[in-house]
Amino acid sequence: MKLNIAAFTLAFGIWWGGSVFLLTWCLILMGADPEMLGVLQTIYIGYAITPLGSIVGLVWGLLDGAVGGAILAWLYNLLAGRFATAQG
C-alpha cells in the first residue's frame, strides 16, 4: 500500500502547525515560563509565547510539518515498494 504524498503532506502540516498553535496557547493561559519553548524560538523566526507568536508558530509549523510529512511519505513509499518486490 502506498501513501498519497499530497494528502500526507497536508495532514502532517496541519497536525504540526496546530500542535504548535495549541501548545503556545496552553502556555499563555497557564502563565508558563517563556523559556519552555526556547528551542522553537531559535528555529522559528519571529516565534514567541504570545498571541501573535502563536500565529507565527502556526505558519512555521504548517511549513515545517508539510516538508517533514512529504519526506516521510516519500520515504515510506520508497521502502514499501522495495520490500514488496523483495517478498515476491
Protein backbone atom coordinates (compact mmCIF):
# COMPACT_ATOMS: atom_id res chain seq x y z
CA MET A 1 0.00 0.00 0.00
CA LYS A 2 1.35 3.41 -0.96
CA LEU A 3 0.64 6.70 0.76
CA ASN A 4 -0.80 9.67 -1.10
CA ILE A 5 2.08 12.12 -0.68
CA ALA A 6 -0.02 15.27 -1.15
CA ALA A 7 -2.63 14.18 1.40
CA PHE A 8 0.00 13.09 3.93
CA THR A 9 1.90 16.37 3.44
CA LEU A 10 -1.22 18.43 4.13
CA ALA A 11 -2.31 16.31 7.09
CA PHE A 12 1.10 16.37 8.74
CA GLY A 13 1.45 20.12 8.18
CA ILE A 14 -1.95 20.80 9.75
CA TRP A 15 -1.17 18.47 12.66
CA TRP A 16 2.21 20.03 13.44
CA GLY A 17 1.11 23.64 12.90
CA GLY A 18 -1.98 23.07 15.02
CA SER A 19 0.10 21.46 17.74
CA VAL A 20 2.47 24.43 17.94
CA PHE A 21 -0.51 26.82 18.00
CA LEU A 22 -2.36 24.94 20.74
CA LEU A 23 0.74 24.37 22.84
CA THR A 24 1.54 28.08 22.68
CA TRP A 25 -1.96 28.97 23.86
CA CYS A 26 -1.78 26.42 26.67
CA LEU A 27 1.43 28.04 27.84
CA ILE A 28 -0.08 31.53 27.55
CA LEU A 29 -3.17 30.57 29.55
CA MET A 30 -1.18 28.72 32.21
CA GLY A 31 1.26 31.59 32.57
CA ALA A 32 4.18 29.28 31.94
CA ASP A 33 7.78 30.35 31.69
CA PRO A 34 8.52 31.67 28.15
CA GLU A 35 11.73 29.63 28.15
CA MET A 36 9.63 26.43 27.98
CA LEU A 37 9.69 26.58 24.19
CA GLY A 38 13.09 28.20 23.85
CA VAL A 39 14.10 25.70 21.19
CA LEU A 40 11.24 26.72 18.91
CA GLN A 41 12.25 30.36 19.31
CA THR A 42 15.68 29.55 17.90
CA ILE A 43 14.25 27.56 14.98
CA TYR A 44 11.14 29.56 14.02
CA ILE A 45 11.96 33.19 13.24
CA GLY A 46 9.54 35.54 14.99
CA TYR A 47 8.04 32.89 17.27
CA ALA A 48 7.33 33.76 20.91
CA ILE A 49 4.94 32.73 23.65
CA THR A 50 2.44 35.46 22.72
CA PRO A 51 -0.85 35.57 20.79
CA LEU A 52 0.97 36.89 17.71
CA GLY A 53 3.70 34.30 18.25
CA SER A 54 1.07 31.54 18.15
CA ILE A 55 0.10 32.64 14.63
CA VAL A 56 3.75 32.79 13.59
CA GLY A 57 4.26 29.32 15.08
CA LEU A 58 1.19 28.04 13.23
CA VAL A 59 2.54 29.22 9.88
CA TRP A 60 6.05 27.91 10.53
CA GLY A 61 4.59 24.66 11.85
CA LEU A 62 2.45 24.22 8.73
CA LEU A 63 5.50 24.68 6.51
CA ASP A 64 7.81 22.58 8.65
CA GLY A 65 5.25 19.81 9.09
CA ALA A 66 4.43 19.77 5.37
CA VAL A 67 8.07 19.35 4.39
CA GLY A 68 8.59 16.66 7.02
CA GLY A 69 5.39 14.88 6.01
CA ALA A 70 6.33 14.91 2.33
CA ILE A 71 9.74 13.43 3.08
CA LEU A 72 8.24 10.80 5.40
CA ALA A 73 5.55 9.76 2.86
CA TRP A 74 8.09 9.63 0.01
CA LEU A 75 10.47 7.51 2.11
CA TYR A 76 7.65 5.19 3.17
CA ASN A 77 6.56 4.68 -0.45
CA LEU A 78 10.15 4.01 -1.49
CA LEU A 79 10.75 1.44 1.22
CA ALA A 80 7.30 -0.15 0.89
CA GLY A 81 7.92 -0.64 -2.83
CA ARG A 82 11.30 -2.24 -2.25
CA PHE A 83 10.06 -4.61 0.45
CA ALA A 84 7.01 -5.58 -1.61
CA THR A 85 9.16 -6.61 -4.59
CA ALA A 86 11.66 -8.41 -2.35
CA GLN A 87 8.92 -10.58 -0.84
CA GLY A 88 7.58 -11.51 -4.23
